[in-house]
Amino acid sequence: FSTVESPNPEYPAAFELAIKLGQKVNAEILIATDPDADRIGMAVKNPICHCEERSDEAIPSVIARNDNDEAISYTVLNGNQVGILLLHYILSSKKGLNQLPPNGFIVKTVVTSDMSRVIAD
């Protein structure tokens, strides 16, 4: 992990090399871990845009340019965003298969986003 200043997978800078490779292979999703692999981070490819790099603390994006000079950007997701996406996928899949229990529930921690309640409803 000597290639990054901080190996925290929620920091956009930790994805620098992954984004370069993702750009070459046209990856939709990038996944990074910390050194002992007890935390993961994800970055998702944004639609191709002809835009300049922006600094938005709420939605950190890392932009690179491909061989056609198109801006390829990836948005680094935080843990809450990844959890919400997984919850939505699981509940939607179970609902589509008619496998949601009538009195089902989800459990979350105090520090986890309240968005899970909205999705579960």
Protein backbone atom coordinates (compact mmCIF):
# COMPACT_ATOMS: atom_id res chain seq x y z
CA PHE A 1 0.00 0.00 0.00
CA SER A 2 2.95 2.27 -0.59
CA THR A 3 1.23 3.71 -3.68
CA VAL A 4 -1.28 5.73 -1.64
CA GLU A 5 -0.93 8.37 1.06
CA SER A 6 -3.72 6.77 3.09
CA PRO A 7 -5.06 3.26 2.37
CA ASN A 8 -8.58 4.20 3.52
CA PRO A 9 -10.88 2.82 0.80
CA GLU A 10 -13.40 5.63 1.34
CA TYR A 11 -10.88 8.27 0.22
CA PRO A 12 -10.96 9.06 -3.51
CA ALA A 13 -7.14 9.21 -3.63
CA ALA A 14 -6.99 5.51 -2.71
CA PHE A 15 -8.63 4.74 -6.07
CA GLU A 16 -6.07 6.54 -8.25
CA LEU A 17 -4.43 3.42 -9.70
CA ALA A 18 -7.73 1.51 -9.83
CA ILE A 19 -9.27 4.33 -11.84
CA LYS A 20 -6.41 4.27 -14.34
CA LEU A 21 -6.93 0.53 -14.82
CA GLY A 22 -10.71 0.92 -14.83
CA GLN A 23 -10.40 3.48 -17.60
CA LYS A 24 -8.34 1.06 -19.71
CA VAL A 25 -10.73 -1.87 -19.27
CA ASN A 26 -13.94 0.20 -19.14
CA ALA A 27 -14.82 -1.03 -15.63
CA GLU A 28 -18.24 -0.11 -14.26
CA ILE A 29 -17.38 -0.76 -10.60
CA LEU A 30 -14.08 -0.49 -8.73
CA ILE A 31 -13.55 -2.11 -5.33
CA ALA A 32 -10.73 -1.35 -2.89
CA THR A 33 -9.88 -2.64 0.57
CA ASP A 34 -7.72 -1.38 3.40
CA PRO A 35 -4.52 -3.33 4.17
CA ASP A 36 -6.18 -5.88 6.47
CA ALA A 37 -9.33 -6.06 4.29
CA ASP A 38 -11.79 -5.24 7.07
CA ARG A 39 -13.13 -2.22 5.16
CA ILE A 40 -14.08 -1.97 1.53
CA GLY A 41 -14.76 0.97 -0.69
CA MET A 42 -16.47 1.21 -4.03
CA ALA A 43 -16.36 3.62 -6.91
CA VAL A 44 -18.90 3.57 -9.72
CA LYS A 45 -18.41 4.80 -13.25
CA ASN A 46 -20.40 7.87 -14.21
CA PRO A 47 -21.78 8.33 -17.72
CA ILE A 48 -19.23 9.73 -20.20
CA CYS A 49 -19.23 13.48 -19.98
CA HIS A 50 -17.37 16.37 -21.52
CA CYS A 51 -16.94 18.20 -18.25
CA GLU A 52 -14.26 19.63 -16.04
CA GLU A 53 -13.25 18.18 -12.70
CA ARG A 54 -15.40 19.46 -9.89
CA SER A 55 -14.86 19.64 -6.20
CA ASP A 56 -18.02 18.56 -4.42
CA GLU A 57 -17.49 17.25 -0.92
CA ALA A 58 -20.90 15.54 -0.90
CA ILE A 59 -20.15 13.47 -4.02
CA PRO A 60 -16.42 13.01 -4.53
CA SER A 61 -15.59 12.19 -8.14
CA VAL A 62 -12.26 11.39 -9.70
CA ILE A 63 -11.99 12.23 -13.38
CA ALA A 64 -9.53 10.86 -15.91
CA ARG A 65 -9.49 11.19 -19.68
CA ASN A 66 -9.53 8.26 -22.09
CA ASP A 67 -7.73 8.04 -25.44
CA ASN A 68 -10.58 9.96 -27.11
CA ASP A 69 -10.17 12.82 -24.59
CA GLU A 70 -13.53 11.97 -23.04
CA ALA A 71 -13.82 12.59 -19.33
CA ILE A 72 -14.23 9.28 -17.52
CA SER A 73 -15.30 9.91 -13.95
CA TYR A 74 -15.86 7.61 -11.04
CA THR A 75 -17.81 8.48 -7.91
CA VAL A 76 -16.39 7.04 -4.70
CA LEU A 77 -19.20 5.77 -2.48
CA ASN A 78 -19.13 5.84 1.29
CA GLY A 79 -20.13 2.91 3.49
CA ASN A 80 -23.69 4.12 3.95
CA GLN A 81 -24.19 4.47 0.19
CA VAL A 82 -22.86 0.96 -0.46
CA GLY A 83 -25.09 -0.46 2.29
CA ILE A 84 -28.17 1.29 0.91
CA LEU A 85 -27.49 -0.01 -2.61
CA LEU A 86 -27.06 -3.56 -1.30
CA LEU A 87 -30.22 -3.32 0.81
CA HIS A 88 -32.22 -2.01 -2.15
CA TYR A 89 -30.91 -4.82 -4.37
CA ILE A 90 -31.67 -7.55 -1.81
CA LEU A 91 -35.17 -6.29 -0.98
CA SER A 92 -36.06 -5.65 -4.64
CA SER A 93 -34.86 -9.13 -5.62
CA LYS A 94 -36.80 -10.81 -2.83
CA LYS A 95 -39.91 -8.77 -3.64
CA GLY A 96 -39.65 -9.74 -7.32
CA LEU A 97 -39.47 -13.41 -6.32
CA ASN A 98 -42.32 -12.97 -3.84
CA GLN A 99 -39.97 -13.97 -1.00
CA LEU A 100 -40.48 -11.05 1.39
CA PRO A 101 -41.86 -12.33 4.71
CA PRO A 102 -45.11 -10.67 5.87
CA ASN A 103 -43.56 -9.42 9.12
CA GLY A 104 -40.05 -8.87 7.82
CA PHE A 105 -37.68 -6.34 9.33
CA ILE A 106 -34.19 -4.97 8.91
CA VAL A 107 -31.65 -4.20 11.62
CA LYS A 108 -29.24 -1.29 11.50
CA THR A 109 -26.78 0.34 13.85
CA VAL A 110 -27.17 3.80 15.34
CA VAL A 111 -24.43 5.21 13.10
CA THR A 112 -25.94 3.77 9.91
CA SER A 113 -28.02 5.91 7.58
CA ASP A 114 -31.76 6.20 8.24
CA MET A 115 -32.33 5.75 4.49
CA SER A 116 -32.71 2.01 5.13
CA ARG A 117 -36.08 2.70 6.77
CA VAL A 118 -37.28 4.53 3.64
CA ILE A 119 -36.19 1.65 1.39
CA ALA A 120 -37.72 -0.99 3.65
CA ASP A 121 -41.06 0.82 3.71
